[in-house]
Each structure stands twice: as structure tokens, then as C-alpha cells.
Protein backbone atom coordinates (compact mmCIF):
# COMPACT_ATOMS: atom_id res chain seq x y z
CA MET A 1 -165.54 164.33 49.08
CA LYS A 2 -168.02 166.33 51.29
CA ASP A 3 -170.38 164.99 53.51
CA ILE A 4 -173.69 164.97 52.70
CA PRO A 5 -176.64 165.99 55.27
CA GLY A 6 -178.00 162.79 56.58
CA ASP A 7 -174.82 160.73 55.87
CA ALA A 8 -172.88 159.35 58.67
CA PRO A 9 -169.47 161.05 58.53
CA ASP A 10 -165.93 159.14 58.20
CA SER A 11 -164.86 159.69 61.53
CA ILE A 12 -166.42 161.79 64.50
CA PRO A 13 -163.84 163.69 66.52
CA HIS A 14 -165.92 163.69 69.61
CA THR A 15 -166.46 159.88 69.74
CA GLN A 16 -162.45 159.39 69.52
CA VAL A 17 -162.33 161.23 72.62
CA HIS A 18 -165.23 159.26 74.39
CA SER A 19 -163.13 156.11 73.34
CA LEU A 20 -159.84 157.42 74.85
CA VAL A 21 -161.51 158.35 78.09
CA ARG A 22 -163.04 155.08 78.16
CA ARG A 23 -159.98 152.99 77.66
CA THR A 24 -158.02 155.36 80.04
CA LEU A 25 -160.79 154.68 83.10
CA GLU A 26 -160.67 150.93 82.05
CA ASN A 27 -156.87 150.73 82.49
CA LEU A 28 -157.05 152.85 85.63
CA GLN A 29 -159.81 150.32 86.90
CA ASP A 30 -157.44 147.21 86.11
CA VAL A 31 -154.73 149.10 88.02
CA VAL A 32 -156.79 149.49 91.08
CA LEU A 33 -158.09 145.80 90.90
CA SER A 34 -154.19 144.82 90.70
CA LEU A 35 -153.70 147.19 93.95
CA LEU A 36 -156.50 145.07 95.41
CA LEU A 37 -155.31 141.48 94.34
CA VAL A 38 -151.85 142.53 95.77
CA LEU A 39 -153.38 143.63 99.06
CA LEU A 40 -155.72 140.53 99.23
CA LEU A 41 -152.28 138.51 98.69
CA VAL A 42 -150.58 140.16 101.65
CA LEU A 43 -153.88 139.51 103.77
CA SER A 44 -153.84 136.13 102.94
CA LEU A 45 -150.27 135.82 103.87
CA GLN A 46 -150.93 137.36 107.24
CA ALA A 47 -153.77 134.96 107.65
CA LEU A 48 -151.48 131.62 106.84
CA TRP A 49 -148.85 132.95 109.25
CA ARG A 50 -151.44 133.52 112.28
CA LEU A 51 -152.95 130.07 111.08
CA SER A 52 -149.75 128.38 111.56
CA ARG A 53 -148.67 130.25 114.53
CA MET A 54 -152.14 129.18 116.27
CA ALA A 55 -151.82 125.55 115.10
CA LEU A 56 -148.36 125.06 115.88
CA VAL A 57 -146.78 127.62 118.73
CA GLU A 58 -150.09 128.48 120.73
CA THR A 59 -152.49 126.04 121.79
CA ALA A 60 -155.62 127.90 120.04
CA PRO A 61 -159.09 126.14 120.33
CA ALA A 62 -160.04 124.32 117.55
CA SER A 63 -162.99 126.69 116.30
CA GLN A 64 -160.63 129.48 116.22
CA VAL A 65 -158.26 127.45 114.11
CA LEU A 66 -161.06 126.10 111.83
CA SER A 67 -162.19 129.97 111.41
CA GLU A 68 -158.74 131.03 110.38
CA VAL A 69 -158.89 128.32 107.68
CA ILE A 70 -162.23 129.56 106.64
CA LEU A 71 -160.81 133.29 106.60
CA VAL A 72 -158.06 132.24 104.23
CA LEU A 73 -160.77 130.33 101.95
CA ILE A 74 -162.55 133.36 101.65
CA LEU A 75 -159.61 135.38 100.80
CA THR A 76 -158.62 132.88 98.03
CA GLU A 77 -162.21 133.25 96.70
CA LEU A 78 -162.31 136.92 96.62
CA TYR A 79 -158.65 136.57 94.91
CA ARG A 80 -160.25 134.36 92.36
CA LEU A 81 -163.18 136.92 92.14
CA LEU A 82 -161.08 139.76 91.27
CA ILE A 83 -159.29 137.82 88.72
CA PHE A 84 -162.35 136.81 87.25
CA TYR A 85 -163.61 140.29 86.88
CA LEU A 86 -160.06 141.48 85.58
CA ARG A 87 -160.44 139.07 82.68
CA GLU A 88 -164.03 139.24 81.88
CA HIS A 89 -164.82 142.73 83.14
CA ARG A 90 -167.82 141.32 84.81
CA ILE A 91 -168.80 139.86 88.20
CA SER A 92 -169.02 135.97 88.77
CA VAL A 93 -172.74 135.59 90.35
CA ALA A 94 -171.50 132.08 91.44
CA LEU A 95 -168.12 133.09 92.79
CA THR A 96 -170.03 136.08 94.54
CA VAL A 97 -172.44 133.78 96.25
CA GLU A 98 -169.91 131.12 97.46
CA VAL A 99 -167.90 134.20 99.15
CA ALA A 100 -171.12 135.13 100.71
CA LEU A 101 -172.07 131.31 101.88
CA VAL A 102 -168.63 131.00 103.56
CA SER A 103 -168.69 134.19 105.14
CA THR A 104 -172.09 134.05 106.72
CA LEU A 105 -171.02 130.20 107.93
CA ARG A 106 -167.78 131.75 109.42
CA GLU A 107 -169.67 133.99 111.23
CA VAL A 108 -172.01 131.68 112.64
CA MET A 109 -168.86 129.42 113.40
CA LEU A 110 -166.99 132.50 115.13
CA LYS A 111 -170.04 133.17 117.66
CA GLY A 112 -171.67 129.86 117.84
CA ALA A 113 -175.24 129.25 117.05
CA HIS A 114 -176.40 129.30 120.67
CA GLU A 115 -175.26 132.87 121.18
CA PHE A 116 -177.86 134.48 118.39
CA GLU A 117 -181.10 135.34 119.21
CA TRP A 118 -184.08 133.24 117.36
CA PRO A 119 -184.88 136.39 115.07
CA GLN A 120 -181.04 136.48 113.86
CA LEU A 121 -180.92 132.76 113.47
CA LEU A 122 -184.11 133.19 111.37
CA GLY A 123 -182.76 135.87 109.54
CA LEU A 124 -179.28 133.72 108.95
CA SER A 125 -181.06 130.57 108.02
CA LEU A 126 -183.30 132.66 105.29
CA LEU A 127 -180.00 134.25 104.18
CA LEU A 128 -178.04 130.80 103.58
CA VAL A 129 -181.52 129.58 102.17
CA VAL A 130 -181.54 132.11 99.49
CA LEU A 131 -177.87 132.28 98.50
CA GLY A 132 -178.07 128.56 98.24
CA GLY A 133 -181.05 128.85 95.76
CA LEU A 134 -179.13 131.36 93.89
CA LEU A 135 -176.07 129.40 93.75
CA THR A 136 -177.97 125.97 92.71
CA LEU A 137 -180.28 128.32 90.03
CA GLU A 138 -176.91 129.79 88.77
CA ARG A 139 -175.29 126.09 88.20
CA TRP A 140 -178.65 124.90 86.70
CA MET A 141 -178.90 127.65 84.41
CA THR A 142 -175.38 127.28 83.35
CA ARG A 143 -175.73 123.52 82.67
CA ARG A 144 -178.70 124.02 80.82
CA GLU A 145 -176.85 126.34 78.71
CA ASN A 146 -174.13 123.84 78.32
CA GLU A 147 -176.53 121.32 77.46
CA ALA A 148 -178.14 123.59 74.52
CA SER A 149 -174.80 124.52 73.33
CA GLU A 150 -173.54 120.71 72.92
CA THR A 151 -177.02 120.04 71.18
CA ASP A 152 -176.86 123.13 68.85
CA ALA A 153 -173.07 121.80 67.76
CA HIS A 154 -174.14 118.40 66.79
């Protein structure tokens, strides 16, 4: 059967090339993410090794040990974020905001609040309030969506 002008042909050759390129790039992206996951796992193991040495062998101050614990938690959250991205192919806002909150708090713990100038403290406080607000808003929106889908199901 001959194609009539204006009708959609059965298969357009150039679209198959586009889908092949898209699939190839997505697979390459998955490989890059898998390598990042392995790297994060290695970094986590190194941080755990440092933490155990600091806590058991050396007499490190408690603030340093706590900072290392928080670093392990940050690496774990980043690992979860990359796994979520690998599975869903989108970034989780909640996980990203959690990582940013914990990372910011870790920096404040490392230096100590008394070492910051007042403009820096004001900026950090504003950043923490905004990140906390984003996390609260995201969780509230998710809860509302879940409630709406439950009521629609009944």
C-alpha cells in the first residue's frame, strides 16, 4: 500500500535512530551512575574505617567522631538518592533536601557556630529554614496526594 500524502507512514526511519540513540545514552547514564554507586560505597567504607580508628584507637574529640558519623550518614543518603534515580530516572526532592540539610548541619558542627561571622550565621540560618520548609512542603504535598488517591479508590 502506497503512502498517501498527509497520512502517517507505518514507520519513519529517522525516529528509530532517535530511539536507538536515546536508549544507548540512557544505558550509558546507568553505567555512570553504577560507577558512582561503587565509588560512594568505597568512600563509605573508608569513612567507616576512619570512624572506627578514631573511636577505638585514637583519642579523637567527640565532635570529630560525631562529624565522621554524620559523614557516613550523608554518604548513605547520597547512595539512596542515586539508587532512587537509577530506579525512577528522576531526582527525589525530599532525599536531596535531606542531604543538603544534614550536610549544612555537619559543616556547622565541624566549625562550631561561634566561628562564623554574623552574616554567615544569618545565611546558614536562612538556608536551613528554606530547606526545612521545602522538606515540610514536599512531605505535606505527598501526604495530600496519598489521601486523595485513597479517597478516590473508595
